[in-house]
N, C-alpha and C. Protein backbone atom coordinates (compact mmCIF):
# COMPACT_ATOMS: atom_id res chain seq x y z
N MET A 1 129.10 103.74 82.74
CA MET A 1 127.88 103.88 82.40
C MET A 1 128.64 104.51 80.50
N THR A 2 128.34 103.74 79.34
CA THR A 2 128.97 102.94 78.93
C THR A 2 128.26 104.60 77.64
N PRO A 3 128.79 105.54 77.27
CA PRO A 3 128.46 106.18 76.31
C PRO A 3 128.15 106.06 74.98
N ARG A 4 126.90 106.94 74.78
CA ARG A 4 126.12 106.83 73.40
C ARG A 4 126.81 107.36 72.38
N VAL A 5 126.73 106.58 71.18
CA VAL A 5 127.80 106.90 69.96
C VAL A 5 126.68 107.77 68.77
N VAL A 6 127.11 109.28 68.62
CA VAL A 6 126.89 109.58 67.92
C VAL A 6 126.92 109.53 66.11
N LYS A 7 126.16 108.90 65.61
CA LYS A 7 127.00 109.07 63.65
C LYS A 7 126.81 109.97 62.95
N ALA A 8 127.98 110.92 62.53
CA ALA A 8 127.38 112.25 62.21
C ALA A 8 128.36 111.35 60.68
N PRO A 9 128.14 112.33 59.08
CA PRO A 9 128.95 112.09 57.89
C PRO A 9 130.06 113.24 57.89
N GLU A 10 130.81 112.22 57.33
CA GLU A 10 131.98 113.34 57.01
C GLU A 10 132.42 113.16 55.83
N PRO A 11 132.26 114.31 55.20
CA PRO A 11 132.99 115.17 54.15
C PRO A 11 134.50 114.40 53.69
N LYS A 12 133.97 114.56 52.43
CA LYS A 12 135.47 113.18 51.75
C LYS A 12 136.49 114.82 51.86
N THR A 13 137.41 113.64 51.91
CA THR A 13 138.93 114.27 52.58
C THR A 13 140.11 113.09 52.24
N PRO A 14 141.17 113.35 51.36
CA PRO A 14 142.30 112.58 51.37
C PRO A 14 142.59 112.52 52.44
N GLY A 15 143.09 111.35 52.90
CA GLY A 15 144.35 110.98 54.07
C GLY A 15 145.65 110.41 53.77
N ARG A 16 146.20 111.01 55.20
CA ARG A 16 148.12 110.71 54.69
C ARG A 16 148.15 108.94 54.20
N ASP A 17 147.21 108.44 55.33
CA ASP A 17 147.15 106.78 55.26
C ASP A 17 147.19 105.93 53.76
N GLY A 18 146.56 106.65 52.60
CA GLY A 18 145.94 105.96 51.59
C GLY A 18 145.14 106.46 51.20
N PRO A 19 143.95 105.73 50.37
CA PRO A 19 143.63 106.36 49.26
C PRO A 19 142.24 107.74 50.32
N SER A 20 141.33 108.39 49.37
CA SER A 20 140.41 109.06 50.38
C SER A 20 139.00 108.22 50.15
N ARG A 21 138.65 108.86 51.55
CA ARG A 21 137.37 108.36 52.20
C ARG A 21 136.03 108.21 51.24
N THR A 22 135.65 107.77 51.00
CA THR A 22 133.81 108.21 50.09
C THR A 22 133.12 109.08 50.70
N ARG A 23 132.37 109.59 50.51
CA ARG A 23 131.46 110.59 51.30
C ARG A 23 129.93 110.06 50.81
N GLY A 24 129.52 110.44 53.02
CA GLY A 24 129.01 109.15 53.50
C GLY A 24 129.26 108.85 54.26
N ALA A 25 130.36 108.28 54.36
CA ALA A 25 130.67 107.20 55.47
C ALA A 25 130.69 107.95 56.54
N VAL A 26 130.63 107.09 57.45
CA VAL A 26 129.82 107.79 58.86
C VAL A 26 131.40 107.47 60.10
N ARG A 27 131.62 108.15 60.97
CA ARG A 27 132.08 107.90 61.90
C ARG A 27 131.29 108.06 63.33
N SER A 28 131.99 107.44 64.31
CA SER A 28 131.99 106.61 65.13
C SER A 28 132.49 107.65 66.39
N ARG A 29 130.90 108.77 66.88
CA ARG A 29 132.03 109.52 67.28
C ARG A 29 131.13 110.01 69.70
N PRO A 30 132.02 109.92 70.35
CA PRO A 30 131.29 109.66 71.83
C PRO A 30 130.77 111.30 72.09
N GLU A 31 128.87 111.13 72.60
CA GLU A 31 128.37 111.77 72.66
C GLU A 31 128.34 112.82 74.28
N ALA A 32 128.59 114.30 73.72
CA ALA A 32 128.68 114.55 75.36
C ALA A 32 127.84 114.47 76.96
N PRO A 33 128.77 114.60 77.74
CA PRO A 33 128.20 113.78 78.72
C PRO A 33 126.78 114.69 78.75
N ALA A 34 125.93 114.68 79.48
CA ALA A 34 124.53 115.39 79.92
C ALA A 34 125.01 117.27 81.16
N ALA A 35 125.79 117.45 81.35
CA ALA A 35 126.13 118.53 81.84
C ALA A 35 126.15 119.23 80.51
N SER A 36 127.67 118.71 80.30
CA SER A 36 128.48 119.22 79.17
C SER A 36 127.39 120.12 77.65
N ARG A 37 126.17 119.92 77.43
CA ARG A 37 125.35 120.12 76.87
C ARG A 37 124.83 121.16 76.49
N GLY A 38 125.27 121.95 77.91
CA GLY A 38 124.29 123.39 77.89
C GLY A 38 123.32 123.37 77.86
N PRO A 39 121.76 124.44 77.68
CA PRO A 39 120.70 124.63 77.95
C PRO A 39 119.63 123.85 77.26
N ALA A 40 120.36 123.46 76.45
CA ALA A 40 118.95 123.44 75.76
C ALA A 40 119.54 121.63 75.72
N HIS A 41 120.15 120.96 76.24
CA HIS A 41 120.30 119.59 76.52
C HIS A 41 119.69 119.09 77.49
N HIS A 42 119.02 120.08 78.69
CA HIS A 42 118.82 119.55 80.31
C HIS A 42 118.51 118.16 80.06
N ASP A 43 119.00 117.90 81.86
CA ASP A 43 118.19 116.08 81.72
C ASP A 43 117.34 116.84 82.76
N GLU A 44 116.13 116.45 82.35
CA GLU A 44 114.70 116.65 84.31
C GLU A 44 115.14 115.51 84.86
N SER A 45 115.80 114.95 85.09
CA SER A 45 115.81 114.00 86.59
C SER A 45 116.68 114.47 87.77
N PRO A 46 117.15 115.83 87.48
CA PRO A 46 117.16 116.18 89.01
C PRO A 46 116.33 117.65 89.36
N ARG A 47 115.58 117.77 88.46
CA ARG A 47 114.37 118.48 88.74
C ARG A 47 114.13 117.52 88.99
N TRP A 48 113.27 116.44 89.17
CA TRP A 48 112.46 115.54 88.76
C TRP A 48 112.46 115.45 90.49
N TRP A 49 113.56 114.87 90.78
CA TRP A 49 114.03 114.34 92.30
C TRP A 49 113.81 115.61 93.11
N ARG A 50 114.33 116.51 92.76
CA ARG A 50 114.50 118.05 93.42
C ARG A 50 112.83 118.34 93.78
N ASP A 51 111.84 117.95 93.22
CA ASP A 51 110.66 117.97 93.28
C ASP A 51 109.57 116.96 94.39
N VAL A 52 110.05 115.67 93.73
CA VAL A 52 110.21 115.39 95.00
C VAL A 52 110.53 115.18 96.39
N LEU A 53 111.71 115.61 96.51
CA LEU A 53 112.75 115.63 97.94
C LEU A 53 111.89 117.07 98.06
N ARG A 54 111.19 117.79 97.97
CA ARG A 54 110.45 119.12 98.52
C ARG A 54 109.24 118.80 98.79
N ARG A 55 108.73 117.90 97.88
CA ARG A 55 107.30 117.51 98.42
C ARG A 55 107.55 116.37 99.79
N ARG A 56 107.74 115.67 99.79
CA ARG A 56 108.31 115.09 101.49
C ARG A 56 108.56 115.88 102.49
N LEU A 57 109.80 116.77 102.29
CA LEU A 57 110.22 117.75 103.17
C LEU A 57 108.54 118.68 104.02
N LEU A 58 108.04 119.00 102.83
CA LEU A 58 107.14 119.45 103.09
C LEU A 58 105.49 118.79 104.03
N ALA A 59 105.61 117.70 103.57
CA ALA A 59 104.98 116.89 104.45
C ALA A 59 105.41 116.13 105.36
N MET A 60 106.80 116.42 105.87
CA MET A 60 107.32 115.88 106.78
C MET A 60 106.98 117.67 107.70
N ALA A 61 106.87 118.46 107.55
CA ALA A 61 107.18 120.19 108.04
C ALA A 61 105.72 119.81 108.22
N ASP A 62 104.47 119.22 107.38
CA ASP A 62 102.72 119.72 108.23
C ASP A 62 102.77 118.54 109.62
N ILE A 63 103.64 117.11 109.38
CA ILE A 63 102.98 116.05 110.38
C ILE A 63 103.99 116.68 111.65
N THR A 64 104.76 117.26 111.05
CA THR A 64 105.96 117.62 112.67
C THR A 64 105.40 118.93 113.00
N ALA A 65 104.35 119.81 112.37
CA ALA A 65 103.99 120.58 112.86
C ALA A 65 102.94 120.68 113.29
N ALA A 66 102.13 120.40 113.23
CA ALA A 66 100.21 119.24 113.99
C ALA A 66 100.24 118.26 114.96
N GLY A 67 101.56 117.46 114.72
CA GLY A 67 101.66 116.73 115.93
C GLY A 67 102.42 117.62 117.26
N PHE A 68 103.20 118.48 117.08
CA PHE A 68 103.74 119.55 117.77
C PHE A 68 102.29 119.97 118.54
N ALA A 69 101.29 120.56 117.61
CA ALA A 69 100.40 121.17 117.98
C ALA A 69 99.59 120.37 118.91
N VAL A 70 98.93 119.16 118.94
CA VAL A 70 98.63 117.83 119.80
C VAL A 70 98.97 118.05 120.49
N VAL A 71 100.78 117.92 120.70
CA VAL A 71 101.16 117.41 122.09
C VAL A 71 101.46 118.24 122.92
N VAL A 72 101.37 119.54 122.13
CA VAL A 72 101.24 121.26 123.05
C VAL A 72 99.70 121.51 123.75
N SER A 73 98.83 120.88 123.09
CA SER A 73 97.55 121.57 123.94
C SER A 73 96.66 120.31 124.46
N THR A 74 96.91 119.14 124.13
CA THR A 74 96.43 117.85 125.27
C THR A 74 97.17 117.30 126.06
N SER A 75 97.01 117.00 127.22
CA SER A 75 96.95 116.54 128.57
C SER A 75 97.71 114.67 127.84
N ILE A 76 98.53 114.51 128.74
CA ILE A 76 99.35 113.05 128.80
C ILE A 76 98.28 111.76 128.14
N VAL A 77 97.07 111.83 128.66
CA VAL A 77 95.51 110.40 128.88
C VAL A 77 95.25 110.93 127.45
N GLU A 78 94.99 112.23 126.85
CA GLU A 78 94.34 112.20 125.43
C GLU A 78 95.58 111.93 124.25
N LEU A 79 96.53 112.08 124.48
CA LEU A 79 97.64 111.93 123.51
C LEU A 79 97.84 110.41 122.98
N PRO A 80 97.55 109.82 122.96
CA PRO A 80 97.54 108.69 122.14
C PRO A 80 96.47 108.59 121.20
N TRP A 81 95.22 109.03 122.23
CA TRP A 81 94.15 109.03 121.16
C TRP A 81 94.30 110.60 119.69
N ALA A 82 94.57 111.57 120.28
CA ALA A 82 93.91 112.47 119.74
C ALA A 82 95.16 112.34 118.56
N LEU A 83 97.03 112.26 118.87
CA LEU A 83 97.90 112.17 118.04
C LEU A 83 97.43 110.26 116.50
N ALA A 84 96.17 109.92 116.81
CA ALA A 84 95.93 108.54 116.07
C ALA A 84 95.09 109.61 114.58
N PRO A 85 94.65 110.10 114.53
CA PRO A 85 94.49 111.52 113.14
C PRO A 85 95.85 111.73 112.47
N LEU A 86 96.27 112.03 112.83
CA LEU A 86 97.48 112.80 112.76
C LEU A 86 97.78 111.69 111.46
N PRO A 87 97.57 111.51 110.29
CA PRO A 87 97.52 111.04 109.07
C PRO A 87 97.12 111.62 107.77
N LEU A 88 95.32 111.87 108.79
CA LEU A 88 94.62 112.73 108.03
C LEU A 88 94.79 114.38 108.22
N TRP A 89 95.73 115.26 108.52
CA TRP A 89 95.98 116.51 108.69
C TRP A 89 96.97 116.25 106.85
N ILE A 90 97.72 115.22 107.23
CA ILE A 90 98.94 115.23 105.74
C ILE A 90 97.55 115.38 104.50
N LEU A 91 96.18 114.42 104.49
CA LEU A 91 95.12 114.34 103.54
C LEU A 91 94.95 115.69 103.09
N PHE A 92 94.85 116.45 104.71
CA PHE A 92 93.82 117.56 104.85
C PHE A 92 94.84 118.39 103.34
N ALA A 93 96.38 118.64 103.80
CA ALA A 93 97.61 119.64 103.42
C ALA A 93 97.72 119.02 101.31
N LYS A 94 97.61 117.84 101.43
CA LYS A 94 97.22 117.50 99.78
C LYS A 94 95.33 118.06 99.20
N LEU A 95 94.66 117.59 99.80
CA LEU A 95 93.51 117.97 99.32
C LEU A 95 93.43 119.79 99.09
N LEU A 96 94.12 120.46 99.95
CA LEU A 96 94.41 121.86 99.99
C LEU A 96 95.44 121.85 98.68
N GLY A 97 96.02 121.17 98.15
CA GLY A 97 96.62 121.43 97.50
C GLY A 97 98.41 122.03 97.98
N LEU A 98 98.07 122.44 98.74
CA LEU A 98 99.84 122.57 99.61
C LEU A 98 101.00 122.17 99.23
N TYR A 99 100.95 121.06 98.58
CA TYR A 99 102.33 120.20 98.01
C TYR A 99 102.57 120.23 96.56
N ASP A 100 101.31 120.83 96.19
CA ASP A 100 101.57 121.43 94.80
C ASP A 100 101.17 122.92 94.11
N ARG A 101 101.86 123.31 94.57
CA ARG A 101 101.24 124.92 94.33
C ARG A 101 103.40 124.60 93.90
N ASP A 102 104.28 124.77 94.21
CA ASP A 102 105.52 125.08 93.79
C ASP A 102 105.75 125.02 92.66
N HIS A 103 105.45 124.45 92.06
CA HIS A 103 105.70 123.69 90.23
C HIS A 103 105.35 125.39 89.45
N ARG A 104 103.80 125.97 90.30
CA ARG A 104 103.54 126.29 89.44
C ARG A 104 103.35 128.25 88.79
N SER A 105 104.99 128.07 89.81
CA SER A 105 105.15 129.66 90.24
C SER A 105 106.92 129.89 90.05
N ILE A 106 107.22 130.91 89.89
CA ILE A 106 108.74 130.88 89.26
C ILE A 106 109.48 130.89 90.83
N ARG A 107 108.50 131.80 91.78
CA ARG A 107 109.22 131.56 93.20
C ARG A 107 108.32 131.87 94.23
N HIS A 108 108.34 131.10 94.74
CA HIS A 108 107.07 130.77 95.64
C HIS A 108 107.68 131.01 97.45
N LEU A 109 107.31 131.85 98.35
CA LEU A 109 107.63 132.00 99.09
C LEU A 109 106.56 131.32 100.49
N THR A 110 106.27 130.95 101.43
CA THR A 110 105.74 130.17 102.33
C THR A 110 104.63 131.16 102.81
N PHE A 111 104.92 132.74 102.93
CA PHE A 111 104.04 133.23 103.19
C PHE A 111 102.66 134.10 102.37
N ASP A 112 102.96 133.19 101.04
CA ASP A 112 102.01 133.21 99.99
C ASP A 112 100.75 132.06 100.13
N GLU A 113 101.17 131.08 100.82
CA GLU A 113 100.78 129.48 101.18
C GLU A 113 99.88 129.70 102.76
N LEU A 114 100.38 131.47 103.71
CA LEU A 114 99.57 131.37 104.40
C LEU A 114 97.93 130.98 104.95
N PRO A 115 97.56 132.01 103.64
CA PRO A 115 96.05 131.14 103.50
C PRO A 115 95.57 129.59 103.87
N ALA A 116 95.86 129.68 103.11
CA ALA A 116 95.84 128.17 102.73
C ALA A 116 96.30 126.47 103.93
N ILE A 117 97.80 127.77 104.80
CA ILE A 117 98.08 126.89 106.04
C ILE A 117 97.28 126.79 107.14
N VAL A 118 96.39 127.38 106.78
CA VAL A 118 94.93 128.86 108.34
C VAL A 118 94.24 127.68 107.50
N ALA A 119 93.42 127.36 106.35
CA ALA A 119 92.49 126.89 106.39
C ALA A 119 92.85 124.86 106.64
N TRP A 120 94.19 125.06 106.02
CA TRP A 120 94.49 123.08 106.89
C TRP A 120 94.74 123.13 107.94
N ALA A 121 95.23 124.19 109.11
CA ALA A 121 95.22 123.81 110.43
C ALA A 121 93.53 123.83 110.80
N VAL A 122 92.51 124.70 110.43
CA VAL A 122 91.54 124.71 110.30
C VAL A 122 90.66 123.67 111.00
N VAL A 123 90.72 122.80 108.91
CA VAL A 123 89.34 121.67 109.01
C VAL A 123 91.04 120.05 109.70
N GLY A 124 91.95 120.80 110.20
CA GLY A 124 92.78 119.62 111.10
C GLY A 124 92.08 119.15 112.69
N THR A 125 91.83 120.46 112.93
CA THR A 125 91.66 121.10 114.41
C THR A 125 89.86 120.46 114.57
N ALA A 126 89.44 120.53 113.60
CA ALA A 126 87.67 120.94 113.22
C ALA A 126 87.92 118.64 112.90
N ALA A 127 88.34 118.65 112.38
CA ALA A 127 88.92 116.74 112.35
C ALA A 127 88.87 116.18 113.33
N LEU A 128 89.60 116.29 114.37
CA LEU A 128 90.34 116.31 116.10
C LEU A 128 88.85 116.58 116.48
N ALA A 129 88.51 117.99 116.81
CA ALA A 129 87.19 118.30 117.45
C ALA A 129 86.16 116.88 117.12
N LEU A 130 85.57 116.57 115.96
CA LEU A 130 84.71 115.56 115.40
C LEU A 130 85.23 114.42 115.95
N LEU A 131 86.95 113.74 116.19
CA LEU A 131 87.11 112.68 116.17
C LEU A 131 87.57 111.94 117.31
N LEU A 132 87.87 113.05 118.21
CA LEU A 132 87.90 112.97 119.79
C LEU A 132 87.22 112.30 120.35
N PRO A 133 86.13 113.20 120.87
CA PRO A 133 85.15 112.28 121.03
C PRO A 133 84.41 110.53 121.10
N LEU A 134 85.27 110.61 119.54
CA LEU A 134 84.46 109.45 119.07
C LEU A 134 85.57 107.77 119.55
N THR A 135 86.63 108.50 121.24
CA THR A 135 87.93 107.53 121.01
C THR A 135 87.48 107.22 123.33
N PRO A 136 88.03 106.34 124.05
CA PRO A 136 87.69 106.66 124.94
C PRO A 136 88.09 108.25 125.36
N ALA A 137 88.53 108.83 125.15
CA ALA A 137 89.22 110.13 125.47
C ALA A 137 88.81 111.01 126.03
N ASP A 138 88.74 111.77 126.60
CA ASP A 138 87.52 112.98 126.58
C ASP A 138 88.24 113.68 125.70
N PRO A 139 86.80 114.75 125.41
CA PRO A 139 86.64 116.38 124.40
C PRO A 139 87.83 116.96 125.53
N LEU A 140 88.40 117.88 124.42
CA LEU A 140 89.31 118.75 124.42
C LEU A 140 88.12 119.96 124.41
N SER A 141 88.98 120.73 125.58
CA SER A 141 87.94 122.15 125.80
C SER A 141 88.35 122.22 124.06
N THR A 142 87.36 124.14 124.36
CA THR A 142 87.53 124.79 123.20
C THR A 142 88.70 125.45 122.81
N GLY A 143 89.33 126.18 124.17
CA GLY A 143 90.83 126.65 124.48
C GLY A 143 92.00 126.37 123.32
N ALA A 144 91.21 124.48 124.03
CA ALA A 144 92.53 123.25 123.63
C ALA A 144 92.90 123.46 122.35
N TYR A 145 91.36 123.49 121.45
CA TYR A 145 91.01 123.57 119.87
C TYR A 145 91.63 124.69 119.73
N LEU A 146 91.32 125.79 119.88
CA LEU A 146 92.06 127.00 119.84
C LEU A 146 93.25 127.45 119.76
N MET A 147 94.35 126.42 120.52
CA MET A 147 95.45 126.25 120.98
C MET A 147 96.50 125.47 119.56
N VAL A 148 95.17 124.44 119.81
CA VAL A 148 96.07 123.41 118.08
C VAL A 148 95.37 123.74 117.53
N ALA A 149 95.12 124.70 117.21
CA ALA A 149 95.08 125.37 115.27
C ALA A 149 96.53 126.47 115.64
N VAL A 150 95.60 127.62 116.60
CA VAL A 150 97.10 128.49 116.26
C VAL A 150 98.90 127.88 116.45
N THR A 151 98.50 127.11 117.23
CA THR A 151 99.98 126.25 117.04
C THR A 151 100.49 126.10 115.78
N ALA A 152 99.52 124.93 115.22
CA ALA A 152 99.53 123.68 113.95
C ALA A 152 99.99 125.23 112.44
N VAL A 153 99.67 126.46 112.97
CA VAL A 153 99.92 127.22 112.06
C VAL A 153 100.87 128.12 111.80
N VAL A 154 101.47 127.95 113.15
CA VAL A 154 102.37 129.20 113.62
C VAL A 154 103.27 127.66 112.95
N ALA A 155 103.84 126.41 113.64
CA ALA A 155 104.82 125.28 113.44
C ALA A 155 104.95 125.41 111.81
N ALA A 156 103.47 125.20 111.04
CA ALA A 156 103.83 124.70 110.28
C ALA A 156 104.02 125.79 109.29
N PHE A 157 103.97 127.13 109.55
CA PHE A 157 105.18 128.44 108.90
C PHE A 157 106.25 128.24 108.88
N ALA A 158 107.17 128.35 110.29
CA ALA A 158 108.26 128.20 110.44
C ALA A 158 109.03 126.65 109.64
N LEU A 159 108.27 125.62 110.13
CA LEU A 159 108.44 123.97 109.35
C LEU A 159 108.15 124.06 108.24
N ARG A 160 107.43 124.85 107.37
CA ARG A 160 107.74 124.65 105.65
C ARG A 160 108.62 125.77 105.27
N ALA A 161 108.86 126.90 105.40
CA ALA A 161 110.03 128.21 105.47
C ALA A 161 111.50 126.83 105.67
N GLY A 162 111.16 126.15 106.26
CA GLY A 162 112.86 126.27 106.45
C GLY A 162 112.91 124.64 105.73
N ALA A 163 111.70 124.28 105.73
CA ALA A 163 111.81 123.01 104.69
C ALA A 163 112.28 123.19 103.18
N ARG A 164 111.37 124.32 103.17
CA ARG A 164 111.78 124.68 101.08
C ARG A 164 112.88 125.05 101.22
N ASP A 165 113.66 126.22 102.52
CA ASP A 165 114.75 126.39 102.45
C ASP A 165 116.06 125.42 102.29
N CYS A 166 115.59 124.45 102.72
CA CYS A 166 115.93 122.89 102.49
C CYS A 166 116.69 121.85 101.49
N GLY A 167 114.98 122.67 101.19
CA GLY A 167 115.59 121.45 99.93
C GLY A 167 116.02 122.55 98.45
N ALA A 168 115.60 123.87 98.81
CA ALA A 168 116.90 124.54 97.18
C ALA A 168 118.05 124.68 97.69
N ALA A 169 118.19 124.44 98.82
CA ALA A 169 120.30 124.01 99.15
C ALA A 169 121.05 122.60 98.23
């Protein structure tokens, strides 16, 4: 990478090698790298990538939590049909704002998101309850749907905390 050159005016000074330089002459000097420029000139690129990484880790945590909840709560016969609407869980998390809240607060904890995580699990379970009877699989019992919701909340809480901790490091 070639360093940028900044033109700085140089005052009139007598030189050892000959006549003095004229006022207003410019001399080239390389600009300091972004890391040494201080906080006033920080580069936004690493922060932007850190936000993207955090959102992707949270989405991976959500899809894993929803998949785990479905796998634990359904039988092997209904499992492929119950896993089919899994991408909708990510859509529900996005619509509930679970990926867009971290940049708005100084210190963000997963505990602050608990109401939204519960709403996400309820909406995802309701979508599963509405879509599963439309498939060849048998619908789940009420207890199984309750188990999906509770398992999704607990798993999402733990995995999102881990993802946020992993993304901060």
